[in-house]
Amino acid sequence: MEVGGRMFLRDPDTLILTLGDHDFAGVESQQILAQDPEASYGKILLLHLAEGRAEVLSMGHRNPQGLFVDRLGQVWETEHGPQGGDELNLIIQGANYGWPLVTYGTDYGAVAWVLSHDQGQHEGYDKPVFAWVPSIGVSNLVRLQGVGFPLWKDDLLVGSLHGKSLFRIRLDNHRVVFAEPIEIGERVRDLIEGPD
């Protein structure tokens, strides 16, 4: 039902919370809540704990599965696309990533996404940094910041459920240079970088 969600405590007062669209995507239902600024579905929220209030960080998300804030304060998010189109996003305050009006994926058993006017394009919306076609069943991610893998410093590691792998993502600024699959043989749901 695209209910994916993660939490990340950015600082003692700010919790980042991701919420899926819960199938309110204009296909399974009449409502398109990920594009409704008044609804929390399909959004990434900033929860200001001391004030007891929430604000929308970004919108247009389908099924967020991963969330990581790196040492530079950049917010990275992964989400399931439909059939194809799993995304890696660099989250920008106020951005709209377009779901369900745009996707690099298709409807299940089809060759197009029914709501897309220009299949495979993201025109008019914030584009993902990278998209997997076919889908890998993307899950959580980390950005390597420790000393344990000096040749991989600042690379992203992204878990995969369907692909039963890790993907090492090399970035050049915010452009993906490569996505190297590292076979694990098990569904990878969560990742954490230890002190070593």
Protein backbone atom coordinates (compact mmCIF):
# COMPACT_ATOMS: atom_id res chain seq x y z
CA MET A 1 0.00 0.00 0.00
CA GLU A 2 3.05 2.31 -0.38
CA VAL A 3 3.14 3.07 3.34
CA GLY A 4 6.93 3.22 3.61
CA GLY A 5 8.39 5.48 6.21
CA ARG A 6 11.63 6.31 7.98
CA MET A 7 12.62 8.64 10.79
CA PHE A 8 15.89 10.49 11.29
CA LEU A 9 16.65 12.75 14.25
CA ARG A 10 18.47 15.62 12.51
CA ASP A 11 19.09 17.48 15.75
CA PRO A 12 17.61 17.29 19.27
CA ASP A 13 14.55 19.29 18.18
CA THR A 14 14.00 18.18 14.56
CA LEU A 15 12.74 14.78 13.46
CA ILE A 16 12.55 14.04 9.75
CA LEU A 17 9.68 11.68 8.90
CA THR A 18 8.89 10.15 5.51
CA LEU A 19 5.38 9.00 4.58
CA GLY A 20 4.23 6.99 1.58
CA ASP A 21 1.14 7.80 -0.46
CA HIS A 22 -0.89 4.84 0.93
CA ASP A 23 -2.23 4.06 -2.59
CA PHE A 24 -3.89 7.48 -2.90
CA ALA A 25 -2.27 7.97 -6.31
CA GLY A 26 -5.20 8.56 -8.65
CA VAL A 27 -5.08 4.99 -9.95
CA GLU A 28 -6.22 2.87 -7.01
CA SER A 29 -8.27 5.83 -5.73
CA GLN A 30 -9.65 9.12 -7.01
CA GLN A 31 -7.42 11.16 -4.69
CA ILE A 32 -3.82 12.14 -5.44
CA LEU A 33 -2.59 12.97 -1.94
CA ALA A 34 1.16 13.15 -2.69
CA GLN A 35 0.38 16.31 -4.69
CA ASP A 36 -2.05 17.76 -2.13
CA PRO A 37 -0.20 20.29 0.05
CA GLU A 38 -2.81 19.87 2.80
CA ALA A 39 -2.29 16.08 3.13
CA SER A 40 0.68 14.42 4.84
CA TYR A 41 0.68 11.34 2.55
CA GLY A 42 3.53 11.20 0.02
CA LYS A 43 5.57 13.79 1.90
CA ILE A 44 8.76 14.21 3.88
CA LEU A 45 7.98 16.16 7.02
CA LEU A 46 10.06 18.15 9.48
CA LEU A 47 8.65 17.64 12.97
CA HIS A 48 9.69 20.47 15.29
CA LEU A 49 9.48 18.66 18.60
CA ALA A 50 9.73 21.56 21.05
CA GLU A 51 7.05 23.53 19.19
CA GLY A 52 4.83 20.53 18.47
CA ARG A 53 4.41 21.44 14.82
CA ALA A 54 5.17 19.90 11.43
CA GLU A 55 6.12 21.37 8.10
CA VAL A 56 6.48 19.81 4.65
CA LEU A 57 10.12 19.42 3.61
CA SER A 58 9.25 17.91 0.19
CA MET A 59 6.35 16.28 -1.61
CA GLY A 60 5.58 13.96 -4.51
CA HIS A 61 6.89 10.72 -2.94
CA ARG A 62 5.49 7.22 -3.53
CA ASN A 63 6.98 4.80 -1.01
CA PRO A 64 10.05 6.12 0.86
CA GLN A 65 12.27 3.31 2.14
CA GLY A 66 15.55 5.02 2.99
CA LEU A 67 16.59 8.23 4.72
CA PHE A 68 20.02 9.53 5.66
CA VAL A 69 21.38 12.94 6.64
CA ASP A 70 25.10 13.21 5.90
CA ARG A 71 27.73 15.24 7.74
CA LEU A 72 27.08 18.18 5.38
CA GLY A 73 23.41 18.19 6.40
CA GLN A 74 22.25 16.91 3.01
CA VAL A 75 19.12 14.74 3.16
CA TRP A 76 19.25 11.61 0.98
CA GLU A 77 16.14 9.50 0.37
CA THR A 78 15.36 6.30 -1.52
CA GLU A 79 11.89 5.21 -2.60
CA HIS A 80 10.16 2.43 -4.47
CA GLY A 81 8.89 3.33 -7.90
CA PRO A 82 6.10 1.31 -9.49
CA GLN A 83 7.36 -1.32 -11.97
CA GLY A 84 10.82 0.20 -12.43
CA GLY A 85 11.84 3.65 -11.35
CA ASP A 86 13.15 3.13 -7.81
CA GLU A 87 14.68 6.49 -6.94
CA LEU A 88 17.63 8.03 -5.13
CA ASN A 89 16.75 11.62 -4.24
CA LEU A 90 18.69 14.50 -2.76
CA ILE A 91 15.94 16.23 -0.82
CA ILE A 92 15.66 20.00 -1.19
CA GLN A 93 13.36 22.14 0.99
CA GLY A 94 10.13 22.83 -0.91
CA ALA A 95 10.89 20.43 -3.78
CA ASN A 96 8.22 18.37 -5.54
CA TYR A 97 9.49 15.04 -6.89
CA GLY A 98 6.38 14.54 -9.00
CA TRP A 99 4.75 11.29 -7.90
CA PRO A 100 2.25 10.14 -9.19
CA LEU A 101 2.25 12.46 -12.18
CA VAL A 102 5.77 11.51 -13.29
CA THR A 103 7.92 8.41 -12.85
CA TYR A 104 10.64 6.50 -14.68
CA GLY A 105 8.65 3.32 -14.00
CA THR A 106 5.50 1.85 -15.51
CA ASP A 107 2.30 0.35 -14.17
CA TYR A 108 2.57 -3.33 -13.26
CA GLY A 109 2.17 -5.49 -16.36
CA ALA A 110 2.15 -2.42 -18.65
CA VAL A 111 4.62 -0.48 -20.76
CA ALA A 112 3.65 2.99 -19.49
CA TRP A 113 2.50 4.80 -16.36
CA VAL A 114 -1.15 5.73 -16.83
CA LEU A 115 -0.91 9.26 -15.33
CA SER A 116 2.24 10.29 -17.18
CA HIS A 117 1.72 12.61 -20.14
CA ASP A 118 5.32 12.19 -21.32
CA GLN A 119 6.43 8.68 -20.35
CA GLY A 120 9.89 8.43 -18.78
CA GLN A 121 10.32 12.18 -18.33
CA HIS A 122 10.28 14.24 -15.15
CA GLU A 123 9.57 17.60 -16.76
CA GLY A 124 8.18 20.23 -14.42
CA TYR A 125 9.29 18.37 -11.26
CA ASP A 126 12.47 17.83 -9.30
CA LYS A 127 14.32 14.88 -10.80
CA PRO A 128 15.88 12.01 -8.87
CA VAL A 129 19.67 11.87 -8.68
CA PHE A 130 19.41 8.28 -9.96
CA ALA A 131 16.69 5.80 -10.90
CA TRP A 132 16.89 2.01 -11.14
CA VAL A 133 15.19 0.42 -14.14
CA PRO A 134 14.34 -2.35 -13.53
CA SER A 135 13.58 -1.85 -9.85
CA ILE A 136 15.91 -3.30 -7.24
CA GLY A 137 13.44 -3.10 -4.36
CA VAL A 138 15.40 -0.23 -2.84
CA SER A 139 15.65 0.03 0.96
CA ASN A 140 17.70 2.12 3.38
CA LEU A 141 20.98 3.88 2.69
CA VAL A 142 24.04 5.37 4.38
CA ARG A 143 26.81 7.68 3.23
CA LEU A 144 30.17 6.28 4.32
CA GLN A 145 31.85 8.88 6.53
CA GLY A 146 34.12 6.82 8.77
CA VAL A 147 37.65 5.51 8.32
CA GLY A 148 36.85 1.82 7.72
CA PHE A 149 36.72 2.05 3.91
CA PRO A 150 38.98 4.96 2.88
CA LEU A 151 38.58 4.28 -0.86
CA TRP A 152 34.79 4.46 -0.47
CA LYS A 153 34.67 7.61 1.68
CA ASP A 154 31.55 9.68 0.91
CA ASP A 155 30.10 6.95 -1.35
CA LEU A 156 26.50 5.98 -0.70
CA LEU A 157 25.60 2.38 0.12
CA VAL A 158 22.02 1.52 -0.81
CA GLY A 159 20.29 -1.68 0.28
CA SER A 160 18.19 -3.79 -2.06
CA LEU A 161 15.34 -6.14 -1.17
CA HIS A 162 14.58 -7.67 -4.58
CA GLY A 163 18.17 -7.53 -5.83
CA LYS A 164 19.54 -9.00 -2.56
CA SER A 165 22.52 -6.67 -2.91
CA LEU A 166 24.14 -3.49 -1.80
CA PHE A 167 24.76 -0.79 -4.36
CA ARG A 168 27.82 1.40 -3.91
CA ILE A 169 27.01 4.78 -5.42
CA ARG A 170 29.93 7.02 -6.39
CA LEU A 171 29.01 10.69 -6.57
CA ASP A 172 30.70 13.56 -8.35
CA ASN A 173 29.06 16.52 -6.63
CA HIS A 174 25.43 15.36 -6.95
CA ARG A 175 25.85 13.34 -10.15
CA VAL A 176 25.99 9.54 -9.94
CA VAL A 177 29.15 8.30 -11.65
CA PHE A 178 28.37 4.62 -11.13
CA ALA A 179 26.17 2.22 -9.16
CA GLU A 180 28.17 -0.90 -8.35
CA PRO A 181 26.11 -3.92 -7.26
CA ILE A 182 27.64 -5.97 -4.44
CA GLU A 183 25.80 -9.28 -4.14
CA ILE A 184 24.81 -10.21 -0.59
CA GLY A 185 22.35 -13.04 -1.32
CA GLU A 186 19.84 -11.78 1.28
CA ARG A 187 17.28 -9.00 1.31
CA VAL A 188 18.97 -5.91 2.79
CA ARG A 189 16.40 -3.93 4.79
CA ASP A 190 18.55 -1.58 6.87
CA LEU A 191 22.12 -0.27 7.04
CA ILE A 192 24.24 1.42 9.68
CA GLU A 193 27.91 2.41 9.64
CA GLY A 194 29.68 1.38 12.82
CA PRO A 195 32.57 3.28 14.41
CA ASP A 196 35.16 1.01 12.75
